[in-house]
Amino acid sequence: MEEMTNMEQRASYSGHTTFMRRPVSDAFTEADVVVTGVPFDVATTNRPGARFGPRSIREQSLQLDWGPIWPWGFDPFDRLRVVDSGDVDWDWGRPQDMAPAVSGHVGRVLEAGALPLVLGGDHYVTLPVLRAVAERHGPVALVHFDAHRDVETGAGEGRIDHGIVFSEALAEGLLIEEACVQVGIRTVFEGETGAAMTVLDAAQVHAMRSDAVAARIRKVVGDRPVHLTFDIDCLDPAFAPGTGTPVPGGLSTHQARAILWGLKGLRFTSFDIMEVAPAYDPAGITALAAATLAVDFCCLATGGRV
């Protein structure tokens, strides 16, 4: 495997386009974090285009490859061996093949002792990630940033729908329901499940200090193994217009990052960031926000992992 290096100042508009210029590798046993793209948006209920999310996040990450990350004060790539494994592959004409392909890939990453960091893709992609995580760790806690709870009816019916991801995960026993926290919610759908989940809706988050939100999350999760999933539409469309189901009234990029800063030390099993659809954002700020959050995930991984 190519020798690991920390970040160096170089032209952001040239060179190889991997996440944060990390080396391309499938030598997972030699890595601490494996970045993987899943270009899938068949489960989208509104605007398509999240299949282009992984590529756009990687492109925008090149703007961040400049050294210590503010306000963490360190370069996570001094402390972690991070590789980019490219994208999971399946026959696009058989969308049902995506889930087993992703579960298999994430399972191999976990078996190697590395943390998966998955770039989506629509939020249905999180379901096969959780299947692989639960197979290794058992049911896990969940920290879920989103405008939508994604616990709608339809679990167990074989539907490919990003609105049923967590009702399906609960039905399959992948999550510890009382250890799940959903942050930034600002939609309601009839028949939603997951009554024991802690919901911190957007109005509550806006009324609280970010460190208080982080403290609430920590209290619910405790010392359990935890998956962190971030739907970019948790952010207000002013900060993330490039997504399939934008909802006004969301978090700012700074708010979301400030909450993440308070989660260092949780026992993370895995991370994902979903629903970046770059066609609706010609300025690229949505993918830039997603790349920044993904770097924050790497910083979190230095202080807590399973």
Protein backbone atom coordinates (compact mmCIF):
# COMPACT_ATOMS: atom_id res chain seq x y z
CA MET A 1 0.00 0.00 0.00
CA GLU A 2 1.16 3.53 -0.74
CA GLU A 3 2.83 5.17 2.25
CA MET A 4 0.46 7.22 4.41
CA THR A 5 1.10 10.95 4.48
CA ASN A 6 -0.46 13.84 6.32
CA MET A 7 -1.96 16.82 4.54
CA GLU A 8 0.27 19.11 2.53
CA GLN A 9 -0.43 22.36 0.78
CA ARG A 10 -0.92 21.77 -2.92
CA ALA A 11 -3.14 23.02 -5.72
CA SER A 12 -6.74 21.98 -5.06
CA TYR A 13 -7.59 22.04 -8.78
CA SER A 14 -5.09 19.39 -9.90
CA GLY A 15 -3.95 15.89 -9.09
CA HIS A 16 -5.83 12.71 -8.30
CA THR A 17 -9.41 13.07 -6.99
CA THR A 18 -9.69 10.84 -3.95
CA PHE A 19 -11.17 11.83 -0.60
CA MET A 20 -8.66 14.26 0.93
CA ARG A 21 -6.07 12.84 -1.49
CA ARG A 22 -5.90 9.64 0.54
CA PRO A 23 -4.29 6.71 -1.27
CA VAL A 24 -6.50 4.29 -3.18
CA SER A 25 -6.29 0.88 -1.54
CA ASP A 26 -8.17 -2.30 -0.75
CA ALA A 27 -5.60 -3.33 1.88
CA PHE A 28 -8.09 -2.76 4.67
CA THR A 29 -6.03 -4.48 7.36
CA GLU A 30 -3.46 -1.70 6.99
CA ALA A 31 -6.04 1.09 7.42
CA ASP A 32 -7.83 2.71 10.36
CA VAL A 33 -10.59 4.30 8.23
CA VAL A 34 -11.80 3.17 4.81
CA VAL A 35 -13.71 5.73 2.70
CA THR A 36 -16.17 4.16 0.26
CA GLY A 37 -18.62 5.69 -2.22
CA VAL A 38 -22.06 4.24 -2.97
CA PRO A 39 -23.46 6.05 -6.05
CA PHE A 40 -27.12 5.02 -5.67
CA ASP A 41 -30.32 7.10 -5.78
CA VAL A 42 -33.04 4.66 -6.86
CA ALA A 43 -34.75 5.00 -3.46
CA THR A 44 -35.17 8.78 -3.73
CA THR A 45 -38.76 10.04 -3.37
CA ASN A 46 -38.22 13.53 -4.81
CA ARG A 47 -35.31 14.88 -6.86
CA PRO A 48 -32.78 12.29 -8.09
CA GLY A 49 -29.04 12.88 -8.45
CA ALA A 50 -27.44 11.60 -5.24
CA ARG A 51 -25.63 8.96 -7.31
CA PHE A 52 -23.22 11.77 -8.15
CA GLY A 53 -22.69 12.57 -4.46
CA PRO A 54 -19.56 10.50 -3.79
CA ARG A 55 -17.68 12.02 -6.71
CA SER A 56 -18.65 15.59 -5.78
CA ILE A 57 -17.73 15.11 -2.12
CA ARG A 58 -14.31 13.83 -3.13
CA GLU A 59 -13.81 16.78 -5.50
CA GLN A 60 -14.75 19.36 -2.88
CA SER A 61 -12.60 17.68 -0.24
CA LEU A 62 -9.53 18.78 -2.18
CA GLN A 63 -10.19 22.33 -0.98
CA LEU A 64 -9.74 21.13 2.61
CA ASP A 65 -6.39 19.40 2.13
CA TRP A 66 -4.36 22.15 3.76
CA GLY A 67 -3.22 20.95 7.17
CA PRO A 68 -4.62 21.00 10.72
CA ILE A 69 -8.42 21.05 10.83
CA TRP A 70 -10.10 23.96 12.59
CA PRO A 71 -11.01 23.90 15.45
CA TRP A 72 -9.69 20.42 16.23
CA GLY A 73 -6.15 21.74 16.07
CA PHE A 74 -4.61 18.67 14.46
CA ASP A 75 -4.29 16.85 11.17
CA PRO A 76 -6.29 13.60 11.54
CA PHE A 77 -4.12 11.96 8.91
CA ASP A 78 -1.14 12.29 11.24
CA ARG A 79 -3.02 9.98 13.62
CA LEU A 80 -5.02 7.71 11.32
CA ARG A 81 -4.27 5.63 8.26
CA VAL A 82 -7.15 6.56 5.93
CA VAL A 83 -7.61 5.03 2.48
CA ASP A 84 -10.14 5.55 -0.30
CA SER A 85 -11.43 2.22 -1.62
CA GLY A 86 -13.36 3.78 -4.51
CA ASP A 87 -17.02 2.98 -5.10
CA VAL A 88 -18.98 -0.21 -4.46
CA ASP A 89 -19.93 -1.79 -7.78
CA TRP A 90 -23.10 -3.59 -8.85
CA ASP A 91 -25.24 -3.90 -11.99
CA TRP A 92 -27.20 -0.64 -12.20
CA GLY A 93 -29.99 -2.54 -13.95
CA ARG A 94 -30.45 -4.64 -10.80
CA PRO A 95 -30.90 -2.11 -7.98
CA GLN A 96 -31.75 -4.92 -5.57
CA ASP A 97 -28.09 -5.99 -5.84
CA MET A 98 -26.85 -2.76 -4.24
CA ALA A 99 -27.68 -3.71 -0.65
CA PRO A 100 -25.84 -7.07 -0.52
CA ALA A 101 -22.88 -5.52 -2.36
CA VAL A 102 -22.63 -2.72 0.23
CA SER A 103 -23.12 -5.05 3.20
CA GLY A 104 -20.42 -7.34 1.87
CA HIS A 105 -17.98 -4.49 1.34
CA VAL A 106 -18.61 -2.89 4.73
CA GLY A 107 -18.36 -6.32 6.36
CA ARG A 108 -14.88 -6.77 4.90
CA VAL A 109 -13.83 -3.36 6.20
CA LEU A 110 -15.08 -4.20 9.69
CA GLU A 111 -13.51 -7.65 9.62
CA ALA A 112 -10.17 -5.98 8.88
CA GLY A 113 -10.54 -3.86 12.01
CA ALA A 114 -11.10 -0.55 10.19
CA LEU A 115 -13.91 1.98 10.44
CA PRO A 116 -16.09 2.45 7.34
CA LEU A 117 -16.84 6.00 6.23
CA VAL A 118 -19.48 5.74 3.50
CA LEU A 119 -20.30 8.53 1.01
CA GLY A 120 -23.77 8.31 -0.53
CA GLY A 121 -25.96 8.06 -2.39
CA ASP A 122 -29.48 8.32 -1.00
CA HIS A 123 -30.25 7.38 2.57
CA TYR A 124 -31.41 3.85 1.76
CA VAL A 125 -27.69 3.05 1.52
CA THR A 126 -27.45 3.29 5.32
CA LEU A 127 -29.58 0.15 5.72
CA PRO A 128 -27.04 -2.31 4.26
CA VAL A 129 -24.30 -0.48 6.18
CA LEU A 130 -26.20 -1.11 9.42
CA ARG A 131 -26.74 -4.76 8.48
CA ALA A 132 -22.99 -5.26 8.24
CA VAL A 133 -22.35 -3.32 11.44
CA ALA A 134 -24.95 -5.28 13.41
CA GLU A 135 -23.61 -8.58 12.09
CA ARG A 136 -20.26 -7.73 13.69
CA HIS A 137 -21.28 -5.74 16.77
CA GLY A 138 -24.89 -6.69 17.39
CA PRO A 139 -27.58 -4.00 17.61
CA VAL A 140 -26.02 -0.54 17.92
CA ALA A 141 -26.93 2.97 19.00
CA LEU A 142 -27.60 5.60 16.34
CA VAL A 143 -26.86 9.30 15.98
CA HIS A 144 -28.93 10.48 13.03
CA PHE A 145 -28.87 14.02 11.59
CA ASP A 146 -31.73 14.64 9.18
CA ALA A 147 -34.77 16.73 8.27
CA HIS A 148 -36.80 13.50 8.16
CA ARG A 149 -37.05 10.65 10.66
CA ASP A 150 -37.11 7.97 7.91
CA VAL A 151 -39.28 5.68 10.03
CA GLU A 152 -42.30 5.58 7.73
CA THR A 153 -44.52 2.57 7.16
CA GLY A 154 -43.49 -0.13 4.69
CA ALA A 155 -40.83 -2.03 6.62
CA GLY A 156 -40.70 -5.73 5.76
CA GLU A 157 -42.40 -5.25 2.38
CA GLY A 158 -39.25 -5.36 0.28
CA ARG A 159 -39.54 -1.72 -0.76
CA ILE A 160 -36.46 0.27 -1.79
CA ASP A 161 -37.33 3.61 -0.19
CA HIS A 162 -35.13 6.04 1.70
CA GLY A 163 -38.08 6.99 3.91
CA ILE A 164 -38.21 3.58 5.64
CA VAL A 165 -34.53 3.07 6.39
CA PHE A 166 -34.76 3.18 10.16
CA SER A 167 -38.18 1.55 10.52
CA GLU A 168 -36.66 -1.30 8.51
CA ALA A 169 -33.53 -1.28 10.67
CA LEU A 170 -35.65 -1.41 13.83
CA ALA A 171 -37.77 -4.25 12.43
CA GLU A 172 -34.60 -6.21 11.60
CA GLY A 173 -33.18 -5.69 15.10
CA LEU A 174 -30.17 -3.70 13.89
CA LEU A 175 -30.64 -0.80 16.32
CA ILE A 176 -31.14 -0.29 20.06
CA GLU A 177 -34.26 1.85 19.79
CA GLU A 178 -33.91 3.65 23.13
CA ALA A 179 -30.28 4.50 22.23
CA CYS A 180 -31.15 6.27 18.97
CA VAL A 181 -31.05 10.07 18.68
CA GLN A 182 -32.46 11.96 15.69
CA VAL A 183 -31.30 15.57 15.31
CA GLY A 184 -32.73 18.41 13.22
CA ILE A 185 -36.07 16.78 12.36
CA ARG A 186 -38.69 19.10 10.85
CA THR A 187 -41.19 16.84 9.07
CA VAL A 188 -43.96 14.51 10.27
CA PHE A 189 -45.50 11.53 8.47
CA GLU A 190 -48.53 9.51 9.57
CA GLY A 191 -47.75 6.09 11.02
CA GLU A 192 -44.11 6.73 11.92
CA THR A 193 -42.49 4.09 14.13
CA GLY A 194 -39.57 4.38 16.56
CA ALA A 195 -41.50 5.85 19.48
CA ALA A 196 -38.63 5.14 21.89
CA MET A 197 -36.14 7.12 19.83
CA THR A 198 -35.06 10.50 21.16
CA VAL A 199 -36.04 13.22 18.68
CA LEU A 200 -34.38 16.62 18.92
CA ASP A 201 -36.29 18.54 16.28
CA ALA A 202 -34.95 21.62 14.53
CA ALA A 203 -36.78 24.04 16.81
CA GLN A 204 -35.25 22.40 19.89
CA VAL A 205 -31.78 22.40 18.38
CA HIS A 206 -32.07 26.08 17.46
CA ALA A 207 -33.13 26.88 21.03
CA MET A 208 -30.23 24.96 22.59
CA ARG A 209 -26.50 25.54 22.68
CA SER A 210 -24.65 23.08 20.50
CA ASP A 211 -22.74 21.69 23.47
CA ALA A 212 -26.07 21.01 25.21
CA VAL A 213 -27.29 19.09 22.15
CA ALA A 214 -24.08 17.06 22.19
CA ALA A 215 -24.52 16.37 25.91
CA ARG A 216 -28.06 15.11 25.31
CA ILE A 217 -26.82 12.82 22.56
CA ARG A 218 -24.07 11.46 24.79
CA LYS A 219 -26.56 10.75 27.57
CA VAL A 220 -28.82 8.73 25.27
CA VAL A 221 -26.03 6.81 23.54
CA GLY A 222 -23.94 6.13 26.64
CA ASP A 223 -20.99 3.81 26.09
CA ARG A 224 -22.73 1.67 23.47
CA PRO A 225 -21.23 1.11 20.02
CA VAL A 226 -22.76 3.76 17.75
CA HIS A 227 -23.23 4.44 14.04
CA LEU A 228 -23.31 8.09 12.95
CA THR A 229 -25.39 8.91 9.87
CA PHE A 230 -25.75 12.41 8.41
CA ASP A 231 -28.34 13.23 5.76
CA ILE A 232 -27.14 16.51 4.26
CA ASP A 233 -30.74 17.82 4.21
CA CYS A 234 -30.40 18.22 7.98
CA LEU A 235 -28.73 21.47 6.97
CA ASP A 236 -30.96 24.34 5.90
CA PRO A 237 -31.19 24.73 2.10
CA ALA A 238 -29.27 27.99 2.48
CA PHE A 239 -26.25 25.86 3.41
CA ALA A 240 -27.07 22.71 1.41
CA PRO A 241 -29.32 23.34 -1.60
CA GLY A 242 -27.92 20.33 -3.48
CA THR A 243 -30.14 17.59 -2.11
CA GLY A 244 -33.24 15.70 -3.16
CA THR A 245 -35.66 16.71 -0.40
CA PRO A 246 -34.66 20.14 0.97
CA VAL A 247 -36.67 21.45 3.94
CA PRO A 248 -36.37 25.07 5.19
CA GLY A 249 -35.60 25.75 8.83
CA GLY A 250 -32.62 23.44 9.25
CA LEU A 251 -29.25 23.63 10.92
CA SER A 252 -26.36 25.75 9.74
CA THR A 253 -23.13 24.03 8.82
CA HIS A 254 -21.52 25.57 11.91
CA GLN A 255 -24.27 24.26 14.20
CA ALA A 256 -23.89 20.74 12.87
CA ARG A 257 -20.12 20.82 13.20
CA ALA A 258 -20.30 22.25 16.71
CA ILE A 259 -22.51 19.36 17.79
CA LEU A 260 -20.05 16.89 16.28
CA TRP A 261 -17.17 18.50 18.17
CA GLY A 262 -18.95 17.52 21.39
CA LEU A 263 -19.18 13.83 20.45
CA LYS A 264 -15.49 12.97 20.71
CA GLY A 265 -14.95 9.79 22.71
CA LEU A 266 -18.13 7.97 21.69
CA ARG A 267 -17.52 4.37 20.58
CA PHE A 268 -18.03 4.74 16.84
CA THR A 269 -18.47 1.67 14.68
CA SER A 270 -19.01 3.51 11.40
CA PHE A 271 -19.98 6.76 9.70
CA ASP A 272 -21.92 7.81 6.63
CA ILE A 273 -23.00 11.00 4.90
CA MET A 274 -25.89 10.84 2.42
CA GLU A 275 -28.15 12.65 -0.04
CA VAL A 276 -25.71 15.06 -1.71
CA ALA A 277 -27.17 15.77 -5.18
CA PRO A 278 -24.74 18.20 -6.82
CA ALA A 279 -26.85 19.04 -9.87
CA TYR A 280 -29.02 21.35 -7.73
CA ASP A 281 -26.01 23.27 -6.39
CA PRO A 282 -23.80 24.76 -9.10
CA ALA A 283 -21.63 26.48 -6.49
CA GLY A 284 -20.75 23.17 -4.82
CA ILE A 285 -21.37 24.34 -1.25
CA THR A 286 -23.44 21.24 -0.41
CA ALA A 287 -20.66 18.84 -1.33
CA LEU A 288 -18.14 21.10 0.40
CA ALA A 289 -20.21 20.97 3.59
CA ALA A 290 -20.44 17.18 3.29
CA ALA A 291 -16.70 16.87 2.77
CA THR A 292 -16.07 19.06 5.81
CA LEU A 293 -18.36 16.91 7.94
CA ALA A 294 -16.64 13.78 6.68
CA VAL A 295 -13.30 15.21 7.78
CA ASP A 296 -14.88 15.89 11.18
CA PHE A 297 -15.83 12.19 11.24
CA CYS A 298 -12.15 11.35 10.74
CA CYS A 299 -11.27 13.63 13.65
CA LEU A 300 -13.91 11.89 15.78
CA ALA A 301 -12.43 8.54 14.81
CA THR A 302 -9.15 9.50 16.48
CA GLY A 303 -10.85 9.66 19.86
CA GLY A 304 -13.32 6.80 19.88
CA ARG A 305 -13.78 3.61 17.87
CA VAL A 306 -14.89 0.02 18.33
